[in-house]
Amino acid sequence: MGTQIAPSILPVTVTDARTSEGYELSRLGEGLVTGLIGAAAIAGFFFSVDLARGQPLHTPTILGTALLRGPAAVAHPETISVSIAMVTFFTLVHFLVFAGIGVVASSLVRLGERYPDASYGALVLIVMALYGFEAACAVFAVEVVGALGAGQFFAANLLAVLGMSGFLWYRHPRFQILTE
């Protein structure tokens, strides 16, 4: 009934939930696309910031280094050279985490369509996604926030939340977070 996007390991098709026509997308597929949107928004934001500073891929290098070697390893970010290995490592972890967040978000939205009280779970997830990484870094890795800037984390997470929410609201127009 749906159209196959491309031959792959996971047969995923895409649906426009606003019409009866279009493509179907499983909960897993929708979650993966949702997560991909969020991860790409953050990666694109930081790539643009790094490019404007003349240091492309500096941010994922810092984050990969902090994740793999500990926050103390980024105490002096100006001394860290771009490492394709760190960029690759962090990008993989980043996209896997967002894939999980996307699957949870998609599931909560689908549940909220059937049970409006469950939609508050989606609101909690949005708030956690917006502030969660920054809060975790502030508690466990102050050096990372200092190296990259708290405002940038907030802006990047805001773009991710807006992109993911927009996609899910487009696909589920009956979903409402605040009901009567």
N, C-alpha and C. Protein backbone atom coordinates (compact mmCIF):
# COMPACT_ATOMS: atom_id res chain seq x y z
N MET A 1 0.82 -1.19 0.00
CA MET A 1 0.00 0.00 0.00
C MET A 1 0.86 1.24 0.00
N GLY A 2 2.05 1.19 0.56
CA GLY A 2 2.97 2.33 0.56
C GLY A 2 4.00 2.16 -0.52
N THR A 3 4.78 3.18 -0.71
CA THR A 3 5.84 3.15 -1.69
C THR A 3 7.17 2.96 -0.98
N GLN A 4 7.95 2.01 -1.45
CA GLN A 4 9.25 1.74 -0.87
C GLN A 4 10.17 2.90 -1.23
N ILE A 5 10.84 3.48 -0.23
CA ILE A 5 11.75 4.59 -0.49
C ILE A 5 12.96 4.10 -1.26
N ALA A 6 13.61 3.11 -0.77
CA ALA A 6 14.80 2.56 -1.42
C ALA A 6 15.00 1.16 -0.88
N PRO A 7 15.63 0.31 -1.67
CA PRO A 7 15.91 -1.02 -1.13
C PRO A 7 16.87 -0.87 0.05
N SER A 8 16.50 -1.44 1.17
CA SER A 8 17.34 -1.33 2.36
C SER A 8 17.08 -2.50 3.28
N ILE A 9 17.84 -2.53 4.35
CA ILE A 9 17.66 -3.57 5.35
C ILE A 9 16.30 -3.42 6.02
N LEU A 10 15.93 -2.17 6.34
CA LEU A 10 14.63 -1.89 6.96
C LEU A 10 13.67 -1.39 5.88
N PRO A 11 12.64 -2.15 5.54
CA PRO A 11 11.70 -1.66 4.54
C PRO A 11 10.86 -0.53 5.13
N VAL A 12 11.24 0.70 4.83
CA VAL A 12 10.57 1.87 5.39
C VAL A 12 9.89 2.62 4.26
N THR A 13 8.65 2.99 4.49
CA THR A 13 7.91 3.81 3.55
C THR A 13 7.41 5.04 4.28
N VAL A 14 7.08 6.08 3.54
CA VAL A 14 6.71 7.36 4.15
C VAL A 14 5.25 7.67 3.88
N THR A 15 4.53 8.16 4.89
CA THR A 15 3.12 8.49 4.78
C THR A 15 2.88 9.96 5.06
N ASP A 16 1.99 10.54 4.30
CA ASP A 16 1.46 11.85 4.65
C ASP A 16 0.22 11.54 5.48
N ALA A 17 0.33 11.68 6.79
CA ALA A 17 -0.77 11.30 7.68
C ALA A 17 -1.97 12.24 7.53
N ARG A 18 -1.80 13.35 6.83
CA ARG A 18 -2.87 14.32 6.69
C ARG A 18 -3.86 13.91 5.59
N THR A 19 -3.49 12.96 4.77
CA THR A 19 -4.38 12.51 3.71
C THR A 19 -4.46 11.00 3.75
N SER A 20 -5.43 10.47 3.04
CA SER A 20 -5.53 9.02 2.96
C SER A 20 -4.59 8.48 1.89
N GLU A 21 -4.03 9.37 1.10
CA GLU A 21 -3.09 8.95 0.07
C GLU A 21 -1.68 9.07 0.61
N GLY A 22 -0.74 8.63 -0.16
CA GLY A 22 0.64 8.82 0.23
C GLY A 22 1.28 7.52 0.63
N TYR A 23 2.20 7.62 1.52
CA TYR A 23 3.02 6.50 1.90
C TYR A 23 2.80 6.17 3.37
N GLU A 24 3.00 4.93 3.72
CA GLU A 24 2.87 4.53 5.11
C GLU A 24 4.25 4.52 5.75
N LEU A 25 4.29 4.85 7.01
CA LEU A 25 5.55 4.87 7.75
C LEU A 25 5.31 4.19 9.09
N SER A 26 6.08 3.19 9.38
CA SER A 26 5.93 2.48 10.66
C SER A 26 6.33 3.41 11.80
N ARG A 27 5.96 3.01 13.00
CA ARG A 27 6.36 3.79 14.19
C ARG A 27 7.88 3.91 14.23
N LEU A 28 8.57 2.82 13.96
CA LEU A 28 10.03 2.84 13.96
C LEU A 28 10.55 3.78 12.87
N GLY A 29 10.00 3.65 11.68
CA GLY A 29 10.44 4.50 10.58
C GLY A 29 10.20 5.97 10.85
N GLU A 30 9.01 6.28 11.36
CA GLU A 30 8.69 7.66 11.68
C GLU A 30 9.62 8.19 12.77
N GLY A 31 9.89 7.36 13.76
CA GLY A 31 10.80 7.76 14.83
C GLY A 31 12.21 8.01 14.32
N LEU A 32 12.67 7.14 13.44
CA LEU A 32 14.01 7.32 12.88
C LEU A 32 14.11 8.60 12.06
N VAL A 33 13.08 8.89 11.26
CA VAL A 33 13.07 10.13 10.48
C VAL A 33 13.03 11.33 11.42
N THR A 34 12.20 11.25 12.46
CA THR A 34 12.11 12.34 13.44
C THR A 34 13.47 12.59 14.09
N GLY A 35 14.13 11.53 14.52
CA GLY A 35 15.45 11.66 15.12
C GLY A 35 16.49 12.20 14.15
N LEU A 36 16.42 11.75 12.91
CA LEU A 36 17.34 12.23 11.89
C LEU A 36 17.19 13.74 11.69
N ILE A 37 15.95 14.22 11.71
CA ILE A 37 15.70 15.66 11.57
C ILE A 37 16.35 16.43 12.72
N GLY A 38 16.16 15.94 13.94
CA GLY A 38 16.75 16.61 15.10
C GLY A 38 18.27 16.60 15.07
N ALA A 39 18.84 15.44 14.79
CA ALA A 39 20.30 15.32 14.75
C ALA A 39 20.88 16.19 13.63
N ALA A 40 20.23 16.19 12.48
CA ALA A 40 20.73 16.99 11.36
C ALA A 40 20.62 18.48 11.65
N ALA A 41 19.58 18.90 12.35
CA ALA A 41 19.44 20.31 12.70
C ALA A 41 20.59 20.76 13.59
N ILE A 42 20.92 19.96 14.59
CA ILE A 42 22.02 20.31 15.48
C ILE A 42 23.36 20.26 14.75
N ALA A 43 23.58 19.20 13.99
CA ALA A 43 24.84 19.08 13.25
C ALA A 43 25.00 20.24 12.26
N GLY A 44 23.92 20.58 11.57
CA GLY A 44 23.98 21.69 10.62
C GLY A 44 24.25 23.02 11.30
N PHE A 45 23.63 23.24 12.45
CA PHE A 45 23.84 24.47 13.20
C PHE A 45 25.31 24.60 13.60
N PHE A 46 25.85 23.56 14.23
CA PHE A 46 27.23 23.64 14.69
C PHE A 46 28.23 23.65 13.53
N PHE A 47 27.90 23.00 12.42
CA PHE A 47 28.78 23.08 11.26
C PHE A 47 28.83 24.51 10.74
N SER A 48 27.68 25.17 10.71
CA SER A 48 27.63 26.58 10.27
C SER A 48 28.43 27.48 11.20
N VAL A 49 28.26 27.28 12.51
CA VAL A 49 29.01 28.07 13.49
C VAL A 49 30.51 27.84 13.31
N ASP A 50 30.90 26.57 13.19
CA ASP A 50 32.32 26.24 13.02
C ASP A 50 32.87 26.84 11.72
N LEU A 51 32.09 26.75 10.66
CA LEU A 51 32.51 27.29 9.36
C LEU A 51 32.70 28.80 9.44
N ALA A 52 31.77 29.48 10.11
CA ALA A 52 31.88 30.94 10.27
C ALA A 52 33.12 31.32 11.06
N ARG A 53 33.55 30.47 11.95
CA ARG A 53 34.76 30.72 12.75
C ARG A 53 36.03 30.26 12.05
N GLY A 54 35.87 29.65 10.88
CA GLY A 54 37.03 29.14 10.17
C GLY A 54 37.59 27.85 10.74
N GLN A 55 36.76 27.11 11.48
CA GLN A 55 37.18 25.86 12.11
C GLN A 55 36.16 24.75 11.83
N PRO A 56 35.97 24.38 10.57
CA PRO A 56 34.96 23.34 10.29
C PRO A 56 35.25 22.05 11.07
N LEU A 57 34.19 21.48 11.61
CA LEU A 57 34.20 20.22 12.35
C LEU A 57 34.87 20.31 13.72
N HIS A 58 35.09 21.52 14.19
CA HIS A 58 35.70 21.69 15.51
C HIS A 58 34.76 21.21 16.62
N THR A 59 33.47 21.55 16.54
CA THR A 59 32.52 21.17 17.60
C THR A 59 32.38 19.66 17.74
N PRO A 60 32.16 18.90 16.66
CA PRO A 60 32.06 17.44 16.87
C PRO A 60 33.38 16.83 17.34
N THR A 61 34.51 17.46 17.00
CA THR A 61 35.79 16.98 17.52
C THR A 61 35.84 17.17 19.03
N ILE A 62 35.43 18.36 19.50
CA ILE A 62 35.43 18.64 20.94
C ILE A 62 34.49 17.67 21.66
N LEU A 63 33.29 17.50 21.13
CA LEU A 63 32.30 16.63 21.79
C LEU A 63 32.74 15.17 21.77
N GLY A 64 33.30 14.72 20.65
CA GLY A 64 33.80 13.35 20.57
C GLY A 64 34.95 13.12 21.54
N THR A 65 35.84 14.10 21.64
CA THR A 65 36.97 14.01 22.56
C THR A 65 36.47 13.96 24.00
N ALA A 66 35.51 14.81 24.35
CA ALA A 66 34.97 14.83 25.71
C ALA A 66 34.28 13.51 26.03
N LEU A 67 33.56 12.97 25.05
CA LEU A 67 32.83 11.73 25.28
C LEU A 67 33.77 10.53 25.42
N LEU A 68 34.79 10.50 24.60
CA LEU A 68 35.70 9.35 24.59
C LEU A 68 36.81 9.45 25.64
N ARG A 69 37.31 10.67 25.86
CA ARG A 69 38.47 10.83 26.74
C ARG A 69 38.15 11.53 28.06
N GLY A 70 36.91 12.00 28.19
CA GLY A 70 36.51 12.68 29.41
C GLY A 70 36.54 14.19 29.25
N PRO A 71 35.72 14.87 30.04
CA PRO A 71 35.60 16.32 29.93
C PRO A 71 36.91 17.08 30.15
N ALA A 72 37.79 16.56 30.99
CA ALA A 72 39.05 17.24 31.25
C ALA A 72 39.90 17.36 29.98
N ALA A 73 39.69 16.48 29.03
CA ALA A 73 40.46 16.50 27.78
C ALA A 73 40.13 17.72 26.92
N VAL A 74 39.03 18.40 27.22
CA VAL A 74 38.67 19.59 26.42
C VAL A 74 38.76 20.87 27.25
N ALA A 75 39.53 20.83 28.33
CA ALA A 75 39.69 22.01 29.18
C ALA A 75 40.29 23.18 28.40
N HIS A 76 41.11 22.88 27.40
CA HIS A 76 41.73 23.91 26.54
C HIS A 76 41.37 23.60 25.09
N PRO A 77 40.14 23.95 24.67
CA PRO A 77 39.67 23.55 23.34
C PRO A 77 40.48 24.14 22.19
N GLU A 78 41.13 25.27 22.44
CA GLU A 78 41.91 25.90 21.38
C GLU A 78 43.12 25.06 20.97
N THR A 79 43.52 24.11 21.82
CA THR A 79 44.67 23.26 21.51
C THR A 79 44.27 21.97 20.79
N ILE A 80 42.99 21.75 20.62
CA ILE A 80 42.52 20.49 20.02
C ILE A 80 42.35 20.67 18.52
N SER A 81 43.05 19.82 17.78
CA SER A 81 42.95 19.84 16.32
C SER A 81 41.79 18.96 15.87
N VAL A 82 41.24 19.30 14.72
CA VAL A 82 40.14 18.50 14.17
C VAL A 82 40.62 17.08 13.91
N SER A 83 39.80 16.15 14.36
CA SER A 83 40.11 14.73 14.19
C SER A 83 38.92 14.06 13.50
N ILE A 84 39.15 13.53 12.34
CA ILE A 84 38.08 12.85 11.60
C ILE A 84 37.58 11.65 12.41
N ALA A 85 38.46 10.98 13.14
CA ALA A 85 38.04 9.84 13.97
C ALA A 85 37.07 10.31 15.06
N MET A 86 37.37 11.43 15.71
CA MET A 86 36.48 11.95 16.75
C MET A 86 35.16 12.44 16.15
N VAL A 87 35.24 13.08 15.00
CA VAL A 87 34.02 13.56 14.31
C VAL A 87 33.14 12.37 13.96
N THR A 88 33.74 11.33 13.42
CA THR A 88 32.98 10.13 13.03
C THR A 88 32.37 9.46 14.26
N PHE A 89 33.16 9.31 15.30
CA PHE A 89 32.67 8.69 16.54
C PHE A 89 31.50 9.49 17.11
N PHE A 90 31.68 10.79 17.27
CA PHE A 90 30.62 11.59 17.86
C PHE A 90 29.38 11.61 16.98
N THR A 91 29.56 11.73 15.67
CA THR A 91 28.41 11.76 14.76
C THR A 91 27.61 10.48 14.86
N LEU A 92 28.27 9.35 14.94
CA LEU A 92 27.57 8.07 15.10
C LEU A 92 26.78 8.04 16.40
N VAL A 93 27.42 8.41 17.50
CA VAL A 93 26.73 8.42 18.80
C VAL A 93 25.57 9.41 18.76
N HIS A 94 25.80 10.58 18.22
CA HIS A 94 24.78 11.65 18.14
C HIS A 94 23.54 11.16 17.38
N PHE A 95 23.75 10.56 16.21
CA PHE A 95 22.62 10.11 15.42
C PHE A 95 21.92 8.92 16.07
N LEU A 96 22.64 8.04 16.74
CA LEU A 96 21.99 6.93 17.44
C LEU A 96 21.14 7.42 18.60
N VAL A 97 21.66 8.38 19.36
CA VAL A 97 20.88 8.93 20.47
C VAL A 97 19.62 9.60 19.95
N PHE A 98 19.75 10.38 18.88
CA PHE A 98 18.58 11.05 18.34
C PHE A 98 17.60 10.07 17.69
N ALA A 99 18.09 8.98 17.15
CA ALA A 99 17.18 7.96 16.63
C ALA A 99 16.30 7.44 17.77
N GLY A 100 16.91 7.19 18.91
CA GLY A 100 16.15 6.74 20.08
C GLY A 100 15.15 7.79 20.55
N ILE A 101 15.59 9.04 20.61
CA ILE A 101 14.69 10.13 21.02
C ILE A 101 13.53 10.24 20.03
N GLY A 102 13.83 10.12 18.75
CA GLY A 102 12.79 10.21 17.73
C GLY A 102 11.76 9.10 17.84
N VAL A 103 12.22 7.87 18.12
CA VAL A 103 11.29 6.74 18.27
C VAL A 103 10.39 6.97 19.49
N VAL A 104 10.96 7.45 20.59
CA VAL A 104 10.16 7.73 21.78
C VAL A 104 9.16 8.85 21.49
N ALA A 105 9.63 9.92 20.83
CA ALA A 105 8.74 11.05 20.52
C ALA A 105 7.59 10.61 19.62
N SER A 106 7.89 9.84 18.59
CA SER A 106 6.86 9.36 17.67
C SER A 106 5.85 8.48 18.41
N SER A 107 6.34 7.63 19.28
CA SER A 107 5.45 6.76 20.06
C SER A 107 4.55 7.57 20.98
N LEU A 108 5.13 8.60 21.62
CA LEU A 108 4.32 9.43 22.52
C LEU A 108 3.26 10.21 21.76
N VAL A 109 3.60 10.70 20.59
CA VAL A 109 2.62 11.43 19.79
C VAL A 109 1.50 10.50 19.34
N ARG A 110 1.85 9.32 18.89
CA ARG A 110 0.82 8.35 18.47
C ARG A 110 -0.06 7.96 19.67
N LEU A 111 0.54 7.78 20.82
CA LEU A 111 -0.23 7.46 22.02
C LEU A 111 -1.12 8.64 22.41
N GLY A 112 -0.58 9.85 22.31
CA GLY A 112 -1.33 11.06 22.65
C GLY A 112 -2.52 11.31 21.74
N GLU A 113 -2.44 10.82 20.51
CA GLU A 113 -3.59 10.94 19.61
C GLU A 113 -4.76 10.10 20.12
N ARG A 114 -4.45 8.93 20.67
CA ARG A 114 -5.50 8.04 21.16
C ARG A 114 -5.93 8.40 22.58
N TYR A 115 -4.99 8.81 23.40
CA TYR A 115 -5.27 9.13 24.80
C TYR A 115 -4.70 10.51 25.10
N PRO A 116 -5.52 11.56 25.02
CA PRO A 116 -5.02 12.93 25.17
C PRO A 116 -4.21 13.18 26.43
N ASP A 117 -4.51 12.51 27.52
CA ASP A 117 -3.73 12.72 28.74
C ASP A 117 -2.27 12.28 28.57
N ALA A 118 -2.05 11.33 27.70
CA ALA A 118 -0.68 10.85 27.45
C ALA A 118 0.14 11.88 26.68
N SER A 119 -0.51 12.88 26.11
CA SER A 119 0.22 13.88 25.33
C SER A 119 1.15 14.71 26.20
N TYR A 120 0.90 14.74 27.51
CA TYR A 120 1.81 15.47 28.39
C TYR A 120 3.20 14.83 28.41
N GLY A 121 3.26 13.55 28.13
CA GLY A 121 4.56 12.88 28.00
C GLY A 121 5.38 13.49 26.88
N ALA A 122 4.72 13.85 25.80
CA ALA A 122 5.42 14.50 24.68
C ALA A 122 5.93 15.87 25.10
N LEU A 123 5.16 16.58 25.88
CA LEU A 123 5.59 17.90 26.37
C LEU A 123 6.82 17.76 27.26
N VAL A 124 6.82 16.77 28.13
CA VAL A 124 7.98 16.53 28.99
C VAL A 124 9.20 16.18 28.14
N LEU A 125 9.01 15.36 27.11
CA LEU A 125 10.12 15.00 26.23
C LEU A 125 10.67 16.23 25.52
N ILE A 126 9.80 17.13 25.08
CA ILE A 126 10.26 18.35 24.41
C ILE A 126 11.12 19.19 25.35
N VAL A 127 10.66 19.36 26.57
CA VAL A 127 11.43 20.13 27.55
C VAL A 127 12.76 19.45 27.84
N MET A 128 12.73 18.14 28.00
CA MET A 128 13.97 17.41 28.27
C MET A 128 14.94 17.52 27.10
N ALA A 129 14.43 17.44 25.88
CA ALA A 129 15.30 17.56 24.71
C ALA A 129 15.89 18.96 24.61
N LEU A 130 15.13 19.94 24.99
CA LEU A 130 15.59 21.32 24.89
C LEU A 130 16.68 21.63 25.91
N TYR A 131 16.50 21.14 27.13
CA TYR A 131 17.43 21.48 28.20
C TYR A 131 18.30 20.32 28.68
N GLY A 132 17.95 19.12 28.30
CA GLY A 132 18.61 17.94 28.85
C GLY A 132 20.10 17.87 28.64
N PHE A 133 20.54 18.06 27.39
CA PHE A 133 21.97 17.95 27.11
C PHE A 133 22.74 19.05 27.82
N GLU A 134 22.21 20.24 27.77
CA GLU A 134 22.88 21.37 28.42
C GLU A 134 22.97 21.15 29.93
N ALA A 135 21.88 20.67 30.52
CA ALA A 135 21.89 20.41 31.96
C ALA A 135 22.87 19.31 32.32
N ALA A 136 22.89 18.25 31.52
CA ALA A 136 23.83 17.15 31.79
C ALA A 136 25.27 17.63 31.69
N CYS A 137 25.56 18.45 30.69
CA CYS A 137 26.92 18.99 30.57
C CYS A 137 27.25 19.92 31.72
N ALA A 138 26.29 20.72 32.15
CA ALA A 138 26.53 21.65 33.26
C ALA A 138 26.85 20.89 34.55
N VAL A 139 26.26 19.72 34.70
CA VAL A 139 26.49 18.94 35.91
C VAL A 139 27.75 18.07 35.78
N PHE A 140 27.89 17.37 34.66
CA PHE A 140 28.95 16.39 34.51
C PHE A 140 30.15 16.85 33.70
N ALA A 141 29.98 17.88 32.88
CA ALA A 141 31.06 18.28 31.97
C ALA A 141 31.03 19.79 31.72
N VAL A 142 31.30 20.54 32.76
CA VAL A 142 31.29 21.99 32.67
C VAL A 142 32.26 22.46 31.59
N GLU A 143 33.35 21.74 31.40
CA GLU A 143 34.35 22.11 30.41
C GLU A 143 33.77 22.15 29.00
N VAL A 144 32.85 21.22 28.71
CA VAL A 144 32.25 21.17 27.37
C VAL A 144 31.39 22.40 27.12
N VAL A 145 30.56 22.75 28.08
CA VAL A 145 29.73 23.95 27.94
C VAL A 145 30.62 25.18 27.83
N GLY A 146 31.66 25.23 28.64
CA GLY A 146 32.58 26.36 28.57
C GLY A 146 33.30 26.44 27.24
N ALA A 147 33.65 25.29 26.69
CA ALA A 147 34.38 25.26 25.43
C ALA A 147 33.52 25.68 24.25
N LEU A 148 32.24 25.38 24.31
CA LEU A 148 31.39 25.62 23.15
C LEU A 148 30.34 26.70 23.35
N GLY A 149 29.99 27.01 24.57
CA GLY A 149 29.02 28.07 24.84
C GLY A 149 27.62 27.55 25.07
N ALA A 150 27.04 27.92 26.22
CA ALA A 150 25.71 27.45 26.60
C ALA A 150 24.65 27.97 25.64
N GLY A 151 24.78 29.18 25.17
CA GLY A 151 23.80 29.75 24.25
C GLY A 151 23.73 28.98 22.94
N GLN A 152 24.87 28.51 22.49
CA GLN A 152 24.88 27.73 21.25
C GLN A 152 24.18 26.39 21.43
N PHE A 153 24.38 25.75 22.58
CA PHE A 153 23.68 24.49 22.84
C PHE A 153 22.17 24.71 22.85
N PHE A 154 21.75 25.78 23.51
CA PHE A 154 20.32 26.07 23.56
C PHE A 154 19.76 26.32 22.17
N ALA A 155 20.45 27.14 21.37
CA ALA A 155 19.97 27.45 20.02
C ALA A 155 19.91 26.19 19.15
N ALA A 156 20.93 25.35 19.23
CA ALA A 156 20.95 24.12 18.44
C ALA A 156 19.83 23.18 18.87
N ASN A 157 19.65 23.03 20.18
CA ASN A 157 18.58 22.15 20.68
C ASN A 157 17.20 22.71 20.32
N LEU A 158 17.05 24.02 20.35
CA LEU A 158 15.79 24.64 19.95
C LEU A 158 15.48 24.32 18.49
N LEU A 159 16.47 24.43 17.62
CA LEU A 159 16.26 24.07 16.21
C LEU A 159 15.85 22.60 16.07
N ALA A 160 16.49 21.74 16.82
CA ALA A 160 16.16 20.31 16.76
C ALA A 160 14.73 20.06 17.22
N VAL A 161 14.36 20.67 18.34
CA VAL A 161 13.00 20.48 18.88
C VAL A 161 11.97 21.02 17.90
N LEU A 162 12.23 22.19 17.32
CA LEU A 162 11.28 22.76 16.35
C LEU A 162 11.15 21.88 15.11
N GLY A 163 12.26 21.38 14.61
CA GLY A 163 12.22 20.51 13.43
C GLY A 163 11.50 19.20 13.70
N MET A 164 11.83 18.57 14.82
CA MET A 164 11.19 17.29 15.16
C MET A 164 9.71 17.49 15.44
N SER A 165 9.37 18.53 16.21
CA SER A 165 7.96 18.80 16.53
C SER A 165 7.17 19.14 15.28
N GLY A 166 7.77 19.96 14.43
CA GLY A 166 7.09 20.33 13.18
C GLY A 166 6.78 19.12 12.32
N PHE A 167 7.75 18.22 12.21
CA PHE A 167 7.54 17.00 11.43
C PHE A 167 6.42 16.16 12.03
N LEU A 168 6.45 15.98 13.35
CA LEU A 168 5.43 15.15 13.99
C LEU A 168 4.06 15.80 13.94
N TRP A 169 3.99 17.13 14.11
CA TRP A 169 2.69 17.79 14.03
C TRP A 169 2.15 17.78 12.59
N TYR A 170 3.03 17.85 11.62
CA TYR A 170 2.59 17.74 10.23
C TYR A 170 1.99 16.35 9.98
N ARG A 171 2.65 15.35 10.52
CA ARG A 171 2.18 13.97 10.31
C ARG A 171 0.98 13.62 11.16
N HIS A 172 0.78 14.31 12.27
CA HIS A 172 -0.31 14.00 13.20
C HIS A 172 -1.06 15.29 13.55
N PRO A 173 -1.81 15.82 12.62
CA PRO A 173 -2.46 17.13 12.87
C PRO A 173 -3.51 17.09 13.97
N ARG A 174 -4.00 15.92 14.33
CA ARG A 174 -5.00 15.83 15.41
C ARG A 174 -4.36 15.83 16.79
N PHE A 175 -3.06 15.69 16.85
CA PHE A 175 -2.36 15.65 18.14
C PHE A 175 -2.39 17.03 18.78
N GLN A 176 -2.72 17.05 20.07
CA GLN A 176 -2.71 18.29 20.83
C GLN A 176 -2.05 18.04 22.17
N ILE A 177 -1.16 18.94 22.55
CA ILE A 177 -0.52 18.78 23.85
C ILE A 177 -1.43 19.31 24.94
N LEU A 178 -1.98 20.46 24.74
CA LEU A 178 -2.83 21.07 25.77
C LEU A 178 -4.27 20.94 25.33
N THR A 179 -5.00 20.08 25.98
CA THR A 179 -6.41 19.88 25.66
C THR A 179 -7.26 20.43 26.78
N GLU A 180 -8.51 20.58 26.51
CA GLU A 180 -9.43 21.12 27.53
C GLU A 180 -9.67 20.15 28.65
